[in-house]
Amino acid sequence: MNTMNTKFDELLEFPCAFPFKVLGLACDTLSDRVVAVLQQHCPGDYTPSQKPSTKGTYLSVSVTCTVTSKEHIELLYTELAKIDGVRGVL
């Protein structure tokens, strides 16, 4: 398994609010799928914001959740990237 070697543990104090931006193909269900993944790993009440690309081909979904560790952030990046149609997670 490819493990990340991030410095989140050196830069943040946990638990903390952490913003994720998921970039994917424009689809009516992208926000719902992002929230579904977050609910699996950090249940909460999420209100994602969406922004379409200029041509409307892509959609960015921004949402902030409470993370508890460096590993928690890395897990969320990995799981969000697995969503069908997602092109990147920032």
PDB file of N, CA and C in Angstrom:
ATOM      1  N   MET A   1       0.837  -1.185   0.000  1.00  0.00           N
ATOM      2  CA  MET A   1       0.000   0.000   0.000  1.00  0.00           C
ATOM      3  C   MET A   1       0.879   1.245   0.000  1.00  0.00           C
ATOM      4  N   ASN A   2       0.490   2.216  -0.772  1.00  0.00           N
ATOM      5  CA  ASN A   2       1.231   3.462  -0.855  1.00  0.00           C
ATOM      6  C   ASN A   2       0.867   4.340   0.336  1.00  0.00           C
ATOM      7  N   THR A   3       1.803   4.559   1.241  1.00  0.00           N
ATOM      8  CA  THR A   3       1.515   5.383   2.408  1.00  0.00           C
ATOM      9  C   THR A   3       2.015   6.790   2.175  1.00  0.00           C
ATOM     10  N   MET A   4       1.239   7.753   2.634  1.00  0.00           N
ATOM     11  CA  MET A   4       1.613   9.149   2.495  1.00  0.00           C
ATOM     12  C   MET A   4       2.596   9.508   3.598  1.00  0.00           C
ATOM     13  N   ASN A   5       3.456  10.452   3.328  1.00  0.00           N
ATOM     14  CA  ASN A   5       4.361  10.946   4.352  1.00  0.00           C
ATOM     15  C   ASN A   5       4.175  12.452   4.424  1.00  0.00           C
ATOM     16  N   THR A   6       3.063  12.852   5.035  1.00  0.00           N
ATOM     17  CA  THR A   6       2.744  14.276   5.131  1.00  0.00           C
ATOM     18  C   THR A   6       3.256  14.840   6.447  1.00  0.00           C
ATOM     19  N   LYS A   7       3.204  16.135   6.559  1.00  0.00           N
ATOM     20  CA  LYS A   7       3.674  16.824   7.766  1.00  0.00           C
ATOM     21  C   LYS A   7       2.499  17.404   8.565  1.00  0.00           C
ATOM     22  N   PHE A   8       1.282  16.888   8.317  1.00  0.00           N
ATOM     23  CA  PHE A   8       0.120  17.443   8.999  1.00  0.00           C
ATOM     24  C   PHE A   8       0.278  17.423  10.517  1.00  0.00           C
ATOM     25  N   ASP A   9       0.913  16.374  11.042  1.00  0.00           N
ATOM     26  CA  ASP A   9       1.057  16.265  12.492  1.00  0.00           C
ATOM     27  C   ASP A   9       1.992  17.341  13.054  1.00  0.00           C
ATOM     28  N   GLU A  10       2.871  17.871  12.231  1.00  0.00           N
ATOM     29  CA  GLU A  10       3.779  18.922  12.679  1.00  0.00           C
ATOM     30  C   GLU A  10       3.153  20.310  12.543  1.00  0.00           C
ATOM     31  N   LEU A  11       2.146  20.421  11.684  1.00  0.00           N
ATOM     32  CA  LEU A  11       1.573  21.718  11.364  1.00  0.00           C
ATOM     33  C   LEU A  11       0.252  22.012  12.081  1.00  0.00           C
ATOM     34  N   LEU A  12      -0.425  20.967  12.554  1.00  0.00           N
ATOM     35  CA  LEU A  12      -1.761  21.136  13.121  1.00  0.00           C
ATOM     36  C   LEU A  12      -1.851  20.564  14.527  1.00  0.00           C
ATOM     37  N   GLU A  13      -2.790  21.094  15.302  1.00  0.00           N
ATOM     38  CA  GLU A  13      -3.119  20.504  16.589  1.00  0.00           C
ATOM     39  C   GLU A  13      -4.466  19.825  16.424  1.00  0.00           C
ATOM     40  N   PHE A  14      -4.569  18.605  16.887  1.00  0.00           N
ATOM     41  CA  PHE A  14      -5.802  17.822  16.701  1.00  0.00           C
ATOM     42  C   PHE A  14      -6.592  17.748  17.994  1.00  0.00           C
ATOM     43  N   PRO A  15      -7.930  17.621  17.896  1.00  0.00           N
ATOM     44  CA  PRO A  15      -8.739  17.686  16.664  1.00  0.00           C
ATOM     45  C   PRO A  15      -8.808  19.120  16.144  1.00  0.00           C
ATOM     46  N   CYS A  16      -9.072  19.237  14.847  1.00  0.00           N
ATOM     47  CA  CYS A  16      -9.202  20.557  14.243  1.00  0.00           C
ATOM     48  C   CYS A  16     -10.111  20.482  13.013  1.00  0.00           C
ATOM     49  N   ALA A  17     -10.599  21.646  12.612  1.00  0.00           N
ATOM     50  CA  ALA A  17     -11.398  21.743  11.386  1.00  0.00           C
ATOM     51  C   ALA A  17     -10.432  21.742  10.212  1.00  0.00           C
ATOM     52  N   PHE A  18     -10.730  20.925   9.203  1.00  0.00           N
ATOM     53  CA  PHE A  18      -9.833  20.807   8.057  1.00  0.00           C
ATOM     54  C   PHE A  18     -10.659  20.896   6.776  1.00  0.00           C
ATOM     55  N   PRO A  19     -10.308  21.821   5.872  1.00  0.00           N
ATOM     56  CA  PRO A  19     -11.079  21.974   4.628  1.00  0.00           C
ATOM     57  C   PRO A  19     -10.606  21.011   3.536  1.00  0.00           C
ATOM     58  N   PHE A  20     -11.562  20.430   2.853  1.00  0.00           N
ATOM     59  CA  PHE A  20     -11.263  19.593   1.687  1.00  0.00           C
ATOM     60  C   PHE A  20     -11.960  20.197   0.487  1.00  0.00           C
ATOM     61  N   LYS A  21     -11.289  20.168  -0.664  1.00  0.00           N
ATOM     62  CA  LYS A  21     -11.910  20.577  -1.925  1.00  0.00           C
ATOM     63  C   LYS A  21     -11.769  19.401  -2.870  1.00  0.00           C
ATOM     64  N   VAL A  22     -12.908  18.900  -3.312  1.00  0.00           N
ATOM     65  CA  VAL A  22     -12.941  17.744  -4.202  1.00  0.00           C
ATOM     66  C   VAL A  22     -13.297  18.238  -5.598  1.00  0.00           C
ATOM     67  N   LEU A  23     -12.440  17.937  -6.568  1.00  0.00           N
ATOM     68  CA  LEU A  23     -12.663  18.347  -7.952  1.00  0.00           C
ATOM     69  C   LEU A  23     -13.082  17.130  -8.765  1.00  0.00           C
ATOM     70  N   GLY A  24     -14.221  17.246  -9.427  1.00  0.00           N
ATOM     71  CA  GLY A  24     -14.696  16.103 -10.198  1.00  0.00           C
ATOM     72  C   GLY A  24     -15.496  16.527 -11.405  1.00  0.00           C
ATOM     73  N   LEU A  25     -15.875  15.547 -12.187  1.00  0.00           N
ATOM     74  CA  LEU A  25     -16.736  15.806 -13.334  1.00  0.00           C
ATOM     75  C   LEU A  25     -18.070  16.332 -12.826  1.00  0.00           C
ATOM     76  N   ALA A  26     -18.623  17.317 -13.536  1.00  0.00           N
ATOM     77  CA  ALA A  26     -19.888  17.913 -13.116  1.00  0.00           C
ATOM     78  C   ALA A  26     -20.976  16.838 -13.075  1.00  0.00           C
ATOM     79  N   CYS A  27     -21.616  16.716 -11.924  1.00  0.00           N
ATOM     80  CA  CYS A  27     -22.634  15.690 -11.722  1.00  0.00           C
ATOM     81  C   CYS A  27     -23.515  16.127 -10.557  1.00  0.00           C
ATOM     82  N   ASP A  28     -24.818  15.894 -10.684  1.00  0.00           N
ATOM     83  CA  ASP A  28     -25.749  16.312  -9.638  1.00  0.00           C
ATOM     84  C   ASP A  28     -25.501  15.617  -8.304  1.00  0.00           C
ATOM     85  N   THR A  29     -24.869  14.452  -8.336  1.00  0.00           N
ATOM     86  CA  THR A  29     -24.719  13.675  -7.098  1.00  0.00           C
ATOM     87  C   THR A  29     -23.327  13.782  -6.474  1.00  0.00           C
ATOM     88  N   LEU A  30     -22.427  14.571  -7.051  1.00  0.00           N
ATOM     89  CA  LEU A  30     -21.062  14.630  -6.522  1.00  0.00           C
ATOM     90  C   LEU A  30     -21.033  15.074  -5.063  1.00  0.00           C
ATOM     91  N   SER A  31     -21.750  16.144  -4.723  1.00  0.00           N
ATOM     92  CA  SER A  31     -21.768  16.612  -3.330  1.00  0.00           C
ATOM     93  C   SER A  31     -22.279  15.538  -2.390  1.00  0.00           C
ATOM     94  N   ASP A  32     -23.341  14.853  -2.788  1.00  0.00           N
ATOM     95  CA  ASP A  32     -23.910  13.794  -1.942  1.00  0.00           C
ATOM     96  C   ASP A  32     -22.906  12.673  -1.721  1.00  0.00           C
ATOM     97  N   ARG A  33     -22.168  12.322  -2.759  1.00  0.00           N
ATOM     98  CA  ARG A  33     -21.178  11.245  -2.630  1.00  0.00           C
ATOM     99  C   ARG A  33     -20.006  11.666  -1.754  1.00  0.00           C
ATOM    100  N   VAL A  34     -19.597  12.938  -1.842  1.00  0.00           N
ATOM    101  CA  VAL A  34     -18.530  13.455  -0.982  1.00  0.00           C
ATOM    102  C   VAL A  34     -18.986  13.386   0.481  1.00  0.00           C
ATOM    103  N   VAL A  35     -20.196  13.864   0.749  1.00  0.00           N
ATOM    104  CA  VAL A  35     -20.721  13.843   2.125  1.00  0.00           C
ATOM    105  C   VAL A  35     -20.857  12.410   2.621  1.00  0.00           C
ATOM    106  N   ALA A  36     -21.261  11.487   1.764  1.00  0.00           N
ATOM    107  CA  ALA A  36     -21.400  10.083   2.175  1.00  0.00           C
ATOM    108  C   ALA A  36     -20.067   9.509   2.650  1.00  0.00           C
ATOM    109  N   VAL A  37     -18.984   9.832   1.941  1.00  0.00           N
ATOM    110  CA  VAL A  37     -17.653   9.358   2.341  1.00  0.00           C
ATOM    111  C   VAL A  37     -17.265   9.992   3.681  1.00  0.00           C
ATOM    112  N   LEU A  38     -17.503  11.294   3.815  1.00  0.00           N
ATOM    113  CA  LEU A  38     -17.175  11.960   5.082  1.00  0.00           C
ATOM    114  C   LEU A  38     -17.969  11.360   6.236  1.00  0.00           C
ATOM    115  N   GLN A  39     -19.230  11.054   6.014  1.00  0.00           N
ATOM    116  CA  GLN A  39     -20.069  10.476   7.076  1.00  0.00           C
ATOM    117  C   GLN A  39     -19.521   9.132   7.544  1.00  0.00           C
ATOM    118  N   GLN A  40     -18.902   8.378   6.640  1.00  0.00           N
ATOM    119  CA  GLN A  40     -18.333   7.078   7.013  1.00  0.00           C
ATOM    120  C   GLN A  40     -17.150   7.235   7.955  1.00  0.00           C
ATOM    121  N   HIS A  41     -16.368   8.291   7.760  1.00  0.00           N
ATOM    122  CA  HIS A  41     -15.094   8.421   8.477  1.00  0.00           C
ATOM    123  C   HIS A  41     -15.069   9.528   9.528  1.00  0.00           C
ATOM    124  N   CYS A  42     -15.988  10.458   9.451  1.00  0.00           N
ATOM    125  CA  CYS A  42     -16.105  11.512  10.476  1.00  0.00           C
ATOM    126  C   CYS A  42     -17.525  12.072  10.423  1.00  0.00           C
ATOM    127  N   PRO A  43     -18.463  11.329  11.039  1.00  0.00           N
ATOM    128  CA  PRO A  43     -19.872  11.733  10.998  1.00  0.00           C
ATOM    129  C   PRO A  43     -20.067  13.165  11.493  1.00  0.00           C
ATOM    130  N   GLY A  44     -20.942  13.882  10.820  1.00  0.00           N
ATOM    131  CA  GLY A  44     -21.221  15.257  11.204  1.00  0.00           C
ATOM    132  C   GLY A  44     -22.306  15.843  10.326  1.00  0.00           C
ATOM    133  N   ASP A  45     -22.587  17.102  10.551  1.00  0.00           N
ATOM    134  CA  ASP A  45     -23.600  17.817   9.779  1.00  0.00           C
ATOM    135  C   ASP A  45     -22.868  18.690   8.770  1.00  0.00           C
ATOM    136  N   TYR A  46     -22.871  18.293   7.514  1.00  0.00           N
ATOM    137  CA  TYR A  46     -22.073  18.971   6.490  1.00  0.00           C
ATOM    138  C   TYR A  46     -22.937  19.765   5.523  1.00  0.00           C
ATOM    139  N   THR A  47     -22.464  20.949   5.179  1.00  0.00           N
ATOM    140  CA  THR A  47     -23.111  21.774   4.171  1.00  0.00           C
ATOM    141  C   THR A  47     -22.046  22.147   3.147  1.00  0.00           C
ATOM    142  N   PRO A  48     -21.824  21.282   2.162  1.00  0.00           N
ATOM    143  CA  PRO A  48     -20.781  21.559   1.172  1.00  0.00           C
ATOM    144  C   PRO A  48     -21.173  22.709   0.257  1.00  0.00           C
ATOM    145  N   SER A  49     -20.173  23.436  -0.210  1.00  0.00           N
ATOM    146  CA  SER A  49     -20.431  24.461  -1.222  1.00  0.00           C
ATOM    147  C   SER A  49     -19.910  23.926  -2.554  1.00  0.00           C
ATOM    148  N   GLN A  50     -20.606  24.296  -3.622  1.00  0.00           N
ATOM    149  CA  GLN A  50     -20.243  23.824  -4.954  1.00  0.00           C
ATOM    150  C   GLN A  50     -19.935  25.001  -5.859  1.00  0.00           C
ATOM    151  N   LYS A  51     -18.999  24.771  -6.778  1.00  0.00           N
ATOM    152  CA  LYS A  51     -18.698  25.797  -7.769  1.00  0.00           C
ATOM    153  C   LYS A  51     -18.377  25.098  -9.084  1.00  0.00           C
ATOM    154  N   PRO A  52     -19.148  25.394 -10.129  1.00  0.00           N
ATOM    155  CA  PRO A  52     -18.857  24.787 -11.430  1.00  0.00           C
ATOM    156  C   PRO A  52     -17.676  25.473 -12.105  1.00  0.00           C
ATOM    157  N   SER A  53     -16.998  24.727 -12.979  1.00  0.00           N
ATOM    158  CA  SER A  53     -15.912  25.316 -13.768  1.00  0.00           C
ATOM    159  C   SER A  53     -16.522  26.269 -14.790  1.00  0.00           C
ATOM    160  N   THR A  54     -15.683  27.068 -15.409  1.00  0.00           N
ATOM    161  CA  THR A  54     -16.152  28.067 -16.372  1.00  0.00           C
ATOM    162  C   THR A  54     -16.997  27.438 -17.474  1.00  0.00           C
ATOM    163  N   LYS A  55     -16.545  26.306 -18.002  1.00  0.00           N
ATOM    164  CA  LYS A  55     -17.281  25.640 -19.080  1.00  0.00           C
ATOM    165  C   LYS A  55     -18.350  24.683 -18.560  1.00  0.00           C
ATOM    166  N   GLY A  56     -18.383  24.469 -17.243  1.00  0.00           N
ATOM    167  CA  GLY A  56     -19.393  23.591 -16.669  1.00  0.00           C
ATOM    168  C   GLY A  56     -19.052  22.117 -16.753  1.00  0.00           C
ATOM    169  N   THR A  57     -17.828  21.798 -17.157  1.00  0.00           N
ATOM    170  CA  THR A  57     -17.420  20.398 -17.283  1.00  0.00           C
ATOM    171  C   THR A  57     -17.109  19.784 -15.926  1.00  0.00           C
ATOM    172  N   TYR A  58     -16.558  20.609 -15.030  1.00  0.00           N
ATOM    173  CA  TYR A  58     -16.127  20.122 -13.717  1.00  0.00           C
ATOM    174  C   TYR A  58     -16.871  20.857 -12.614  1.00  0.00           C
ATOM    175  N   LEU A  59     -16.792  20.281 -11.438  1.00  0.00           N
ATOM    176  CA  LEU A  59     -17.439  20.853 -10.268  1.00  0.00           C
ATOM    177  C   LEU A  59     -16.475  20.729  -9.105  1.00  0.00           C
ATOM    178  N   SER A  60     -16.342  21.786  -8.307  1.00  0.00           N
ATOM    179  CA  SER A  60     -15.554  21.660  -7.083  1.00  0.00           C
ATOM    180  C   SER A  60     -16.527  21.677  -5.913  1.00  0.00           C
ATOM    181  N   VAL A  61     -16.302  20.764  -4.993  1.00  0.00           N
ATOM    182  CA  VAL A  61     -17.122  20.654  -3.796  1.00  0.00           C
ATOM    183  C   VAL A  61     -16.209  20.915  -2.610  1.00  0.00           C
ATOM    184  N   SER A  62     -16.510  21.962  -1.854  1.00  0.00           N
ATOM    185  CA  SER A  62     -15.700  22.314  -0.690  1.00  0.00           C
ATOM    186  C   SER A  62     -16.481  22.007   0.575  1.00  0.00           C
ATOM    187  N   VAL A  63     -15.798  21.368   1.521  1.00  0.00           N
ATOM    188  CA  VAL A  63     -16.444  21.021   2.786  1.00  0.00           C
ATOM    189  C   VAL A  63     -15.369  20.937   3.866  1.00  0.00           C
ATOM    190  N   THR A  64     -15.714  21.355   5.060  1.00  0.00           N
ATOM    191  CA  THR A  64     -14.789  21.308   6.183  1.00  0.00           C
ATOM    192  C   THR A  64     -15.292  20.286   7.182  1.00  0.00           C
ATOM    193  N   CYS A  65     -14.388  19.447   7.668  1.00  0.00           N
ATOM    194  CA  CYS A  65     -14.772  18.463   8.680  1.00  0.00           C
ATOM    195  C   CYS A  65     -13.744  18.467   9.806  1.00  0.00           C
ATOM    196  N   THR A  66     -14.113  17.875  10.925  1.00  0.00           N
ATOM    197  CA  THR A  66     -13.213  17.805  12.073  1.00  0.00           C
ATOM    198  C   THR A  66     -12.391  16.531  11.973  1.00  0.00           C
ATOM    199  N   VAL A  67     -11.087  16.698  11.946  1.00  0.00           N
ATOM    200  CA  VAL A  67     -10.176  15.554  11.850  1.00  0.00           C
ATOM    201  C   VAL A  67      -9.452  15.379  13.186  1.00  0.00           C
ATOM    202  N   THR A  68      -9.036  14.143  13.449  1.00  0.00           N
ATOM    203  CA  THR A  68      -8.455  13.838  14.757  1.00  0.00           C
ATOM    204  C   THR A  68      -6.972  13.470  14.712  1.00  0.00           C
ATOM    205  N   SER A  69      -6.418  13.276  13.507  1.00  0.00           N
ATOM    206  CA  SER A  69      -5.010  12.898  13.402  1.00  0.00           C
ATOM    207  C   SER A  69      -4.525  13.068  11.967  1.00  0.00           C
ATOM    208  N   LYS A  70      -3.215  13.008  11.814  1.00  0.00           N
ATOM    209  CA  LYS A  70      -2.599  13.013  10.487  1.00  0.00           C
ATOM    210  C   LYS A  70      -3.143  11.858   9.663  1.00  0.00           C
ATOM    211  N   GLU A  71      -3.244  10.678  10.276  1.00  0.00           N
ATOM    212  CA  GLU A  71      -3.739   9.489   9.566  1.00  0.00           C
ATOM    213  C   GLU A  71      -5.180   9.677   9.121  1.00  0.00           C
ATOM    214  N   HIS A  72      -5.973  10.381   9.930  1.00  0.00           N
ATOM    215  CA  HIS A  72      -7.373  10.643   9.594  1.00  0.00           C
ATOM    216  C   HIS A  72      -7.452  11.499   8.324  1.00  0.00           C
ATOM    217  N   ILE A  73      -6.614  12.532   8.234  1.00  0.00           N
ATOM    218  CA  ILE A  73      -6.582  13.391   7.044  1.00  0.00           C
ATOM    219  C   ILE A  73      -6.169  12.570   5.825  1.00  0.00           C
ATOM    220  N   GLU A  74      -5.128  11.774   5.968  1.00  0.00           N
ATOM    221  CA  GLU A  74      -4.640  10.966   4.848  1.00  0.00           C
ATOM    222  C   GLU A  74      -5.695   9.967   4.383  1.00  0.00           C
ATOM    223  N   LEU A  75      -6.414   9.363   5.334  1.00  0.00           N
ATOM    224  CA  LEU A  75      -7.489   8.429   4.995  1.00  0.00           C
ATOM    225  C   LEU A  75      -8.570   9.137   4.192  1.00  0.00           C
ATOM    226  N   LEU A  76      -8.954  10.332   4.626  1.00  0.00           N
ATOM    227  CA  LEU A  76      -9.997  11.068   3.917  1.00  0.00           C
ATOM    228  C   LEU A  76      -9.553  11.452   2.511  1.00  0.00           C
ATOM    229  N   TYR A  77      -8.300  11.909   2.342  1.00  0.00           N
ATOM    230  CA  TYR A  77      -7.796  12.198   0.996  1.00  0.00           C
ATOM    231  C   TYR A  77      -7.909  10.956   0.117  1.00  0.00           C
ATOM    232  N   THR A  78      -7.494   9.809   0.635  1.00  0.00           N
ATOM    233  CA  THR A  78      -7.511   8.560  -0.134  1.00  0.00           C
ATOM    234  C   THR A  78      -8.936   8.157  -0.501  1.00  0.00           C
ATOM    235  N   GLU A  79      -9.836   8.194   0.489  1.00  0.00           N
ATOM    236  CA  GLU A  79     -11.212   7.754   0.247  1.00  0.00           C
ATOM    237  C   GLU A  79     -11.970   8.716  -0.667  1.00  0.00           C
ATOM    238  N   LEU A  80     -11.766  10.010  -0.503  1.00  0.00           N
ATOM    239  CA  LEU A  80     -12.433  10.984  -1.378  1.00  0.00           C
ATOM    240  C   LEU A  80     -11.947  10.840  -2.818  1.00  0.00           C
ATOM    241  N   ALA A  81     -10.666  10.528  -2.997  1.00  0.00           N
ATOM    242  CA  ALA A  81     -10.108  10.371  -4.346  1.00  0.00           C
ATOM    243  C   ALA A  81     -10.680   9.144  -5.057  1.00  0.00           C
ATOM    244  N   LYS A  82     -11.215   8.175  -4.296  1.00  0.00           N
ATOM    245  CA  LYS A  82     -11.779   6.961  -4.891  1.00  0.00           C
ATOM    246  C   LYS A  82     -13.177   7.161  -5.472  1.00  0.00           C
ATOM    247  N   ILE A  83     -13.815   8.286  -5.179  1.00  0.00           N
ATOM    248  CA  ILE A  83     -15.170   8.534  -5.665  1.00  0.00           C
ATOM    249  C   ILE A  83     -15.148   8.582  -7.195  1.00  0.00           C
ATOM    250  N   ASP A  84     -16.096   7.901  -7.805  1.00  0.00           N
ATOM    251  CA  ASP A  84     -16.183   7.851  -9.262  1.00  0.00           C
ATOM    252  C   ASP A  84     -16.330   9.266  -9.837  1.00  0.00           C
ATOM    253  N   GLY A  85     -15.494   9.597 -10.795  1.00  0.00           N
ATOM    254  CA  GLY A  85     -15.539  10.904 -11.439  1.00  0.00           C
ATOM    255  C   GLY A  85     -14.664  11.956 -10.806  1.00  0.00           C
ATOM    256  N   VAL A  86     -14.096  11.670  -9.642  1.00  0.00           N
ATOM    257  CA  VAL A  86     -13.233  12.650  -8.977  1.00  0.00           C
ATOM    258  C   VAL A  86     -11.883  12.697  -9.676  1.00  0.00           C
ATOM    259  N   ARG A  87     -11.412  13.924  -9.924  1.00  0.00           N
ATOM    260  CA  ARG A  87     -10.136  14.125 -10.611  1.00  0.00           C
ATOM    261  C   ARG A  87      -9.038  14.584  -9.654  1.00  0.00           C
ATOM    262  N   GLY A  88      -9.410  15.039  -8.463  1.00  0.00           N
ATOM    263  CA  GLY A  88      -8.413  15.467  -7.508  1.00  0.00           C
ATOM    264  C   GLY A  88      -9.024  15.907  -6.199  1.00  0.00           C
ATOM    265  N   VAL A  89      -8.214  15.857  -5.138  1.00  0.00           N
ATOM    266  CA  VAL A  89      -8.645  16.321  -3.824  1.00  0.00           C
ATOM    267  C   VAL A  89      -7.576  17.259  -3.296  1.00  0.00           C
ATOM    268  N   LEU A  90      -7.981  18.445  -2.925  1.00  0.00           N
ATOM    269  CA  LEU A  90      -7.044  19.443  -2.402  1.00  0.00           C
ATOM    270  C   LEU A  90      -7.332  19.710  -0.938  1.00  0.00           C
TER     271      LEU A  90
END
